[in-house]
PDB file of all heavy atoms in Angstrom:
ATOM      1  N   VAL A   1      11.595 -34.433  29.901  1.00  0.00           N
ATOM      2  CA  VAL A   1      12.210 -34.505  28.582  1.00  0.00           C
ATOM      3  C   VAL A   1      13.505 -33.733  28.571  1.00  0.00           C
ATOM      4  O   VAL A   1      14.526 -34.173  28.043  1.00  0.00           O
ATOM      5  CB  VAL A   1      11.241 -33.968  27.498  1.00  0.00           C
ATOM      6  CG1 VAL A   1      11.962 -33.877  26.164  1.00  0.00           C
ATOM      7  CG2 VAL A   1      10.029 -34.878  27.368  1.00  0.00           C
ATOM      8  N   GLY A   2      13.495 -32.547  29.198  1.00  0.00           N
ATOM      9  CA  GLY A   2      14.692 -31.730  29.233  1.00  0.00           C
ATOM     10  C   GLY A   2      15.815 -32.428  29.978  1.00  0.00           C
ATOM     11  O   GLY A   2      16.975 -32.360  29.585  1.00  0.00           O
ATOM     12  N   ASP A   3      15.458 -33.147  31.058  1.00  0.00           N
ATOM     13  CA  ASP A   3      16.497 -33.831  31.810  1.00  0.00           C
ATOM     14  C   ASP A   3      17.136 -34.934  30.996  1.00  0.00           C
ATOM     15  O   ASP A   3      18.303 -35.259  31.152  1.00  0.00           O
ATOM     16  CB  ASP A   3      15.913 -34.448  33.097  1.00  0.00           C
ATOM     17  CG  ASP A   3      15.592 -33.387  34.116  1.00  0.00           C
ATOM     18  OD1 ASP A   3      16.282 -32.354  34.099  1.00  0.00           O
ATOM     19  OD2 ASP A   3      14.663 -33.598  34.902  1.00  0.00           O
ATOM     20  N   ALA A   4      16.367 -35.541  30.100  1.00  0.00           N
ATOM     21  CA  ALA A   4      16.894 -36.635  29.319  1.00  0.00           C
ATOM     22  C   ALA A   4      17.708 -36.168  28.133  1.00  0.00           C
ATOM     23  O   ALA A   4      18.654 -36.819  27.713  1.00  0.00           O
ATOM     24  CB  ALA A   4      15.747 -37.534  28.834  1.00  0.00           C
ATOM     25  N   ASP A   5      17.346 -35.010  27.576  1.00  0.00           N
ATOM     26  CA  ASP A   5      17.956 -34.617  26.311  1.00  0.00           C
ATOM     27  C   ASP A   5      18.828 -33.385  26.373  1.00  0.00           C
ATOM     28  O   ASP A   5      19.608 -33.120  25.468  1.00  0.00           O
ATOM     29  CB  ASP A   5      16.836 -34.378  25.275  1.00  0.00           C
ATOM     30  CG  ASP A   5      16.036 -35.634  25.018  1.00  0.00           C
ATOM     31  OD1 ASP A   5      16.607 -36.731  25.109  1.00  0.00           O
ATOM     32  OD2 ASP A   5      14.839 -35.495  24.736  1.00  0.00           O
ATOM     33  N   ASP A   6      18.686 -32.571  27.421  1.00  0.00           N
ATOM     34  CA  ASP A   6      19.403 -31.297  27.466  1.00  0.00           C
ATOM     35  C   ASP A   6      20.223 -31.192  28.731  1.00  0.00           C
ATOM     36  O   ASP A   6      19.982 -31.871  29.715  1.00  0.00           O
ATOM     37  CB  ASP A   6      18.408 -30.118  27.420  1.00  0.00           C
ATOM     38  CG  ASP A   6      17.582 -30.148  26.152  1.00  0.00           C
ATOM     39  OD1 ASP A   6      18.185 -30.360  25.085  1.00  0.00           O
ATOM     40  OD2 ASP A   6      16.358 -29.958  26.249  1.00  0.00           O
ATOM     41  N   HIS A   7      21.201 -30.284  28.694  1.00  0.00           N
ATOM     42  CA  HIS A   7      21.994 -29.955  29.865  1.00  0.00           C
ATOM     43  C   HIS A   7      22.086 -28.454  29.967  1.00  0.00           C
ATOM     44  O   HIS A   7      22.078 -27.751  28.976  1.00  0.00           O
ATOM     45  CB  HIS A   7      23.393 -30.565  29.766  1.00  0.00           C
ATOM     46  CG  HIS A   7      23.380 -32.050  29.579  1.00  0.00           C
ATOM     47  ND1 HIS A   7      23.036 -32.918  30.585  1.00  0.00           N
ATOM     48  CD2 HIS A   7      23.656 -32.815  28.490  1.00  0.00           C
ATOM     49  CE1 HIS A   7      23.105 -34.154  30.130  1.00  0.00           C
ATOM     50  NE2 HIS A   7      23.482 -34.108  28.872  1.00  0.00           N
ATOM     51  N   ASP A   8      22.199 -27.974  31.166  1.00  0.00           N
ATOM     52  CA  ASP A   8      22.306 -26.539  31.387  1.00  0.00           C
ATOM     53  C   ASP A   8      23.657 -26.050  30.902  1.00  0.00           C
ATOM     54  O   ASP A   8      24.692 -26.407  31.452  1.00  0.00           O
ATOM     55  CB  ASP A   8      22.171 -26.267  32.894  1.00  0.00           C
ATOM     56  CG  ASP A   8      22.199 -24.796  33.204  1.00  0.00           C
ATOM     57  OD1 ASP A   8      22.360 -23.998  32.266  1.00  0.00           O
ATOM     58  OD2 ASP A   8      22.062 -24.463  34.395  1.00  0.00           O
ATOM     59  N   PRO A   9      23.688 -25.231  29.861  1.00  0.00           N
ATOM     60  CA  PRO A   9      24.972 -24.769  29.342  1.00  0.00           C
ATOM     61  C   PRO A   9      25.735 -23.925  30.343  1.00  0.00           C
ATOM     62  O   PRO A   9      26.941 -23.770  30.244  1.00  0.00           O
ATOM     63  CB  PRO A   9      24.572 -23.944  28.106  1.00  0.00           C
ATOM     64  CG  PRO A   9      23.164 -23.509  28.366  1.00  0.00           C
ATOM     65  CD  PRO A   9      22.547 -24.638  29.139  1.00  0.00           C
ATOM     66  N   GLU A  10      25.018 -23.365  31.341  1.00  0.00           N
ATOM     67  CA  GLU A  10      25.701 -22.573  32.344  1.00  0.00           C
ATOM     68  C   GLU A  10      26.524 -23.460  33.262  1.00  0.00           C
ATOM     69  O   GLU A  10      27.438 -23.001  33.932  1.00  0.00           O
ATOM     70  CB  GLU A  10      24.660 -21.799  33.176  1.00  0.00           C
ATOM     71  CG  GLU A  10      23.947 -20.704  32.417  1.00  0.00           C
ATOM     72  CD  GLU A  10      24.849 -19.523  32.184  1.00  0.00           C
ATOM     73  OE1 GLU A  10      25.728 -19.273  33.027  1.00  0.00           O
ATOM     74  OE2 GLU A  10      24.675 -18.848  31.166  1.00  0.00           O
ATOM     75  N   PHE A  11      26.167 -24.747  33.335  1.00  0.00           N
ATOM     76  CA  PHE A  11      26.819 -25.612  34.306  1.00  0.00           C
ATOM     77  C   PHE A  11      27.944 -26.438  33.695  1.00  0.00           C
ATOM     78  O   PHE A  11      29.086 -26.312  34.044  1.00  0.00           O
ATOM     79  CB  PHE A  11      25.786 -26.543  34.945  1.00  0.00           C
ATOM     80  CG  PHE A  11      26.412 -27.710  35.619  1.00  0.00           C
ATOM     81  CD1 PHE A  11      27.269 -27.505  36.694  1.00  0.00           C
ATOM     82  CD2 PHE A  11      26.182 -28.989  35.178  1.00  0.00           C
ATOM     83  CE1 PHE A  11      27.862 -28.574  37.317  1.00  0.00           C
ATOM     84  CE2 PHE A  11      26.778 -30.051  35.799  1.00  0.00           C
ATOM     85  CZ  PHE A  11      27.614 -29.851  36.866  1.00  0.00           C
ATOM     86  N   MET A  12      27.642 -27.298  32.761  1.00  0.00           N
ATOM     87  CA  MET A  12      28.647 -28.207  32.246  1.00  0.00           C
ATOM     88  C   MET A  12      28.402 -28.432  30.770  1.00  0.00           C
ATOM     89  O   MET A  12      27.298 -28.747  30.351  1.00  0.00           O
ATOM     90  CB  MET A  12      28.561 -29.536  33.005  1.00  0.00           C
ATOM     91  CG  MET A  12      29.709 -30.469  32.758  1.00  0.00           C
ATOM     92  SD  MET A  12      31.216 -29.961  33.600  1.00  0.00           S
ATOM     93  CE  MET A  12      30.886 -30.563  35.244  1.00  0.00           C
ATOM     94  N   SER A  13      29.409 -28.244  29.951  1.00  0.00           N
ATOM     95  CA  SER A  13      29.236 -28.351  28.506  1.00  0.00           C
ATOM     96  C   SER A  13      28.935 -29.784  28.097  1.00  0.00           C
ATOM     97  O   SER A  13      29.232 -30.740  28.809  1.00  0.00           O
ATOM     98  CB  SER A  13      30.491 -27.872  27.784  1.00  0.00           C
ATOM     99  OG  SER A  13      31.542 -28.780  27.971  1.00  0.00           O
ATOM    100  N   GLN A  14      28.366 -29.937  26.910  1.00  0.00           N
ATOM    101  CA  GLN A  14      28.022 -31.253  26.397  1.00  0.00           C
ATOM    102  C   GLN A  14      29.260 -32.145  26.317  1.00  0.00           C
ATOM    103  O   GLN A  14      29.181 -33.347  26.490  1.00  0.00           O
ATOM    104  CB  GLN A  14      27.397 -31.106  24.999  1.00  0.00           C
ATOM    105  CG  GLN A  14      26.777 -32.391  24.459  1.00  0.00           C
ATOM    106  CD  GLN A  14      25.478 -32.730  25.150  1.00  0.00           C
ATOM    107  OE1 GLN A  14      24.874 -31.854  25.769  1.00  0.00           O
ATOM    108  NE2 GLN A  14      25.057 -33.975  25.087  1.00  0.00           N
ATOM    109  N   SER A  15      30.410 -31.530  26.052  1.00  0.00           N
ATOM    110  CA  SER A  15      31.626 -32.312  25.881  1.00  0.00           C
ATOM    111  C   SER A  15      31.975 -33.091  27.144  1.00  0.00           C
ATOM    112  O   SER A  15      32.523 -34.184  27.070  1.00  0.00           O
ATOM    113  CB  SER A  15      32.793 -31.400  25.493  1.00  0.00           C
ATOM    114  OG  SER A  15      33.007 -30.438  26.507  1.00  0.00           O
ATOM    115  N   VAL A  16      31.659 -32.537  28.313  1.00  0.00           N
ATOM    116  CA  VAL A  16      31.981 -33.228  29.551  1.00  0.00           C
ATOM    117  C   VAL A  16      31.109 -34.455  29.723  1.00  0.00           C
ATOM    118  O   VAL A  16      31.529 -35.473  30.247  1.00  0.00           O
ATOM    119  CB  VAL A  16      31.824 -32.272  30.754  1.00  0.00           C
ATOM    120  CG1 VAL A  16      32.031 -33.007  32.057  1.00  0.00           C
ATOM    121  CG2 VAL A  16      32.817 -31.140  30.624  1.00  0.00           C
ATOM    122  N   TYR A  17      29.898 -34.380  29.259  1.00  0.00           N
ATOM    123  CA  TYR A  17      28.995 -35.519  29.385  1.00  0.00           C
ATOM    124  C   TYR A  17      29.319 -36.624  28.383  1.00  0.00           C
ATOM    125  O   TYR A  17      29.268 -37.800  28.699  1.00  0.00           O
ATOM    126  CB  TYR A  17      27.543 -35.077  29.180  1.00  0.00           C
ATOM    127  CG  TYR A  17      26.953 -34.361  30.362  1.00  0.00           C
ATOM    128  CD1 TYR A  17      26.958 -32.977  30.422  1.00  0.00           C
ATOM    129  CD2 TYR A  17      26.397 -35.058  31.422  1.00  0.00           C
ATOM    130  CE1 TYR A  17      26.423 -32.315  31.503  1.00  0.00           C
ATOM    131  CE2 TYR A  17      25.861 -34.403  32.509  1.00  0.00           C
ATOM    132  CZ  TYR A  17      25.875 -33.038  32.547  1.00  0.00           C
ATOM    133  OH  TYR A  17      25.350 -32.394  33.625  1.00  0.00           O
ATOM    134  N   ASP A  18      29.636 -36.241  27.161  1.00  0.00           N
ATOM    135  CA  ASP A  18      29.749 -37.236  26.100  1.00  0.00           C
ATOM    136  C   ASP A  18      31.168 -37.533  25.646  1.00  0.00           C
ATOM    137  O   ASP A  18      31.389 -38.472  24.896  1.00  0.00           O
ATOM    138  CB  ASP A  18      28.943 -36.763  24.877  1.00  0.00           C
ATOM    139  CG  ASP A  18      27.458 -36.660  25.195  1.00  0.00           C
ATOM    140  OD1 ASP A  18      27.022 -37.364  26.131  1.00  0.00           O
ATOM    141  OD2 ASP A  18      26.764 -35.881  24.533  1.00  0.00           O
ATOM    142  N   LYS A  19      32.133 -36.715  26.066  1.00  0.00           N
ATOM    143  CA  LYS A  19      33.500 -36.917  25.583  1.00  0.00           C
ATOM    144  C   LYS A  19      34.497 -37.011  26.728  1.00  0.00           C
ATOM    145  O   LYS A  19      35.639 -36.593  26.590  1.00  0.00           O
ATOM    146  CB  LYS A  19      33.899 -35.761  24.652  1.00  0.00           C
ATOM    147  CG  LYS A  19      33.019 -35.648  23.410  1.00  0.00           C
ATOM    148  CD  LYS A  19      33.451 -34.482  22.537  1.00  0.00           C
ATOM    149  CE  LYS A  19      32.565 -34.337  21.319  1.00  0.00           C
ATOM    150  NZ  LYS A  19      32.965 -33.179  20.475  1.00  0.00           N
ATOM    151  N   LEU A  20      34.051 -37.543  27.847  1.00  0.00           N
ATOM    152  CA  LEU A  20      34.957 -37.677  28.965  1.00  0.00           C
ATOM    153  C   LEU A  20      36.022 -38.715  28.658  1.00  0.00           C
ATOM    154  O   LEU A  20      35.748 -39.707  27.993  1.00  0.00           O
ATOM    155  CB  LEU A  20      34.183 -38.107  30.218  1.00  0.00           C
ATOM    156  CG  LEU A  20      33.260 -37.040  30.791  1.00  0.00           C
ATOM    157  CD1 LEU A  20      32.359 -37.651  31.840  1.00  0.00           C
ATOM    158  CD2 LEU A  20      34.058 -35.908  31.389  1.00  0.00           C
ATOM    159  N   PRO A  21      37.255 -38.517  29.121  1.00  0.00           N
ATOM    160  CA  PRO A  21      38.300 -39.516  28.897  1.00  0.00           C
ATOM    161  C   PRO A  21      37.880 -40.872  29.412  1.00  0.00           C
ATOM    162  O   PRO A  21      37.388 -41.007  30.531  1.00  0.00           O
ATOM    163  CB  PRO A  21      39.487 -38.961  29.712  1.00  0.00           C
ATOM    164  CG  PRO A  21      39.231 -37.496  29.785  1.00  0.00           C
ATOM    165  CD  PRO A  21      37.744 -37.339  29.836  1.00  0.00           C
ATOM    166  N   GLY A  22      38.041 -41.875  28.565  1.00  0.00           N
ATOM    167  CA  GLY A  22      37.691 -43.224  28.961  1.00  0.00           C
ATOM    168  C   GLY A  22      36.262 -43.601  28.674  1.00  0.00           C
ATOM    169  O   GLY A  22      35.866 -44.744  28.873  1.00  0.00           O
ATOM    170  N   SER A  23      35.425 -42.648  28.204  1.00  0.00           N
ATOM    171  CA  SER A  23      34.040 -42.993  27.881  1.00  0.00           C
ATOM    172  C   SER A  23      33.996 -43.742  26.566  1.00  0.00           C
ATOM    173  O   SER A  23      34.858 -43.602  25.705  1.00  0.00           O
ATOM    174  CB  SER A  23      33.179 -41.737  27.801  1.00  0.00           C
ATOM    175  OG  SER A  23      33.640 -40.898  26.775  1.00  0.00           O
ATOM    176  N   THR A  24      32.997 -44.562  26.385  1.00  0.00           N
ATOM    177  CA  THR A  24      32.864 -45.377  25.179  1.00  0.00           C
ATOM    178  C   THR A  24      32.023 -44.635  24.165  1.00  0.00           C
ATOM    179  O   THR A  24      30.836 -44.421  24.353  1.00  0.00           O
ATOM    180  CB  THR A  24      32.201 -46.726  25.519  1.00  0.00           C
ATOM    181  OG1 THR A  24      32.966 -47.347  26.546  1.00  0.00           O
ATOM    182  CG2 THR A  24      32.160 -47.622  24.306  1.00  0.00           C
ATOM    183  N   ASN A  25      32.652 -44.253  23.060  1.00  0.00           N
ATOM    184  CA  ASN A  25      31.949 -43.470  22.055  1.00  0.00           C
ATOM    185  C   ASN A  25      30.900 -44.276  21.322  1.00  0.00           C
ATOM    186  O   ASN A  25      29.966 -43.741  20.772  1.00  0.00           O
ATOM    187  CB  ASN A  25      32.957 -42.906  21.043  1.00  0.00           C
ATOM    188  CG  ASN A  25      33.896 -41.907  21.690  1.00  0.00           C
ATOM    189  OD1 ASN A  25      33.508 -41.216  22.622  1.00  0.00           O
ATOM    190  ND2 ASN A  25      35.130 -41.847  21.217  1.00  0.00           N
ATOM    191  N   SER A  26      31.081 -45.608  21.300  1.00  0.00           N
ATOM    192  CA  SER A  26      30.127 -46.430  20.549  1.00  0.00           C
ATOM    193  C   SER A  26      28.801 -46.581  21.261  1.00  0.00           C
ATOM    194  O   SER A  26      27.812 -46.993  20.673  1.00  0.00           O
ATOM    195  CB  SER A  26      30.725 -47.827  20.317  1.00  0.00           C
ATOM    196  OG  SER A  26      31.020 -48.443  21.568  1.00  0.00           O
ATOM    197  N   THR A  27      28.791 -46.264  22.556  1.00  0.00           N
ATOM    198  CA  THR A  27      27.552 -46.369  23.334  1.00  0.00           C
ATOM    199  C   THR A  27      27.271 -45.036  23.982  1.00  0.00           C
ATOM    200  O   THR A  27      27.691 -44.779  25.114  1.00  0.00           O
ATOM    201  CB  THR A  27      27.663 -47.462  24.411  1.00  0.00           C
ATOM    202  OG1 THR A  27      28.092 -48.668  23.789  1.00  0.00           O
ATOM    203  CG2 THR A  27      26.317 -47.684  25.095  1.00  0.00           C
ATOM    204  N   PRO A  28      26.577 -44.137  23.287  1.00  0.00           N
ATOM    205  CA  PRO A  28      26.320 -42.805  23.843  1.00  0.00           C
ATOM    206  C   PRO A  28      25.567 -42.889  25.155  1.00  0.00           C
ATOM    207  O   PRO A  28      24.647 -43.692  25.311  1.00  0.00           O
ATOM    208  CB  PRO A  28      25.475 -42.125  22.753  1.00  0.00           C
ATOM    209  CG  PRO A  28      25.732 -42.916  21.512  1.00  0.00           C
ATOM    210  CD  PRO A  28      25.981 -44.315  21.964  1.00  0.00           C
ATOM    211  N   ARG A  29      25.981 -42.071  26.118  1.00  0.00           N
ATOM    212  CA  ARG A  29      25.307 -42.011  27.406  1.00  0.00           C
ATOM    213  C   ARG A  29      24.076 -41.152  27.324  1.00  0.00           C
ATOM    214  O   ARG A  29      24.089 -40.101  26.700  1.00  0.00           O
ATOM    215  CB  ARG A  29      26.242 -41.410  28.450  1.00  0.00           C
ATOM    216  CG  ARG A  29      27.098 -42.405  29.162  1.00  0.00           C
ATOM    217  CD  ARG A  29      27.902 -41.686  30.222  1.00  0.00           C
ATOM    218  NE  ARG A  29      27.035 -40.974  31.119  1.00  0.00           N
ATOM    219  CZ  ARG A  29      27.295 -39.749  31.539  1.00  0.00           C
ATOM    220  NH1 ARG A  29      28.338 -39.103  31.130  1.00  0.00           N
ATOM    221  NH2 ARG A  29      26.484 -39.151  32.372  1.00  0.00           N
ATOM    222  N   ARG A  30      23.047 -41.593  27.990  1.00  0.00           N
ATOM    223  CA  ARG A  30      21.854 -40.764  28.141  1.00  0.00           C
ATOM    224  C   ARG A  30      21.574 -40.631  29.625  1.00  0.00           C
ATOM    225  O   ARG A  30      21.287 -41.615  30.299  1.00  0.00           O
ATOM    226  CB  ARG A  30      20.653 -41.388  27.449  1.00  0.00           C
ATOM    227  CG  ARG A  30      20.788 -41.440  25.946  1.00  0.00           C
ATOM    228  CD  ARG A  30      19.474 -41.826  25.320  1.00  0.00           C
ATOM    229  NE  ARG A  30      18.460 -40.825  25.581  1.00  0.00           N
ATOM    230  CZ  ARG A  30      17.167 -41.000  25.313  1.00  0.00           C
ATOM    231  NH1 ARG A  30      16.757 -42.124  24.798  1.00  0.00           N
ATOM    232  NH2 ARG A  30      16.301 -40.036  25.578  1.00  0.00           N
ATOM    233  N   PRO A  31      21.684 -39.430  30.167  1.00  0.00           N
ATOM    234  CA  PRO A  31      21.407 -39.243  31.594  1.00  0.00           C
ATOM    235  C   PRO A  31      20.012 -39.729  31.948  1.00  0.00           C
ATOM    236  O   PRO A  31      19.071 -39.576  31.171  1.00  0.00           O
ATOM    237  CB  PRO A  31      21.527 -37.726  31.782  1.00  0.00           C
ATOM    238  CG  PRO A  31      22.387 -37.277  30.648  1.00  0.00           C
ATOM    239  CD  PRO A  31      22.053 -38.189  29.498  1.00  0.00           C
TER     240      PRO A  31
END
């Protein structure tokens, strides 16, 4: 569950996962 919903804040902020340049905001990514 943690792998699907959370990220280690020590490693990479949420912004890198969900707000990367060129990512599609209308289709949220789920690792």
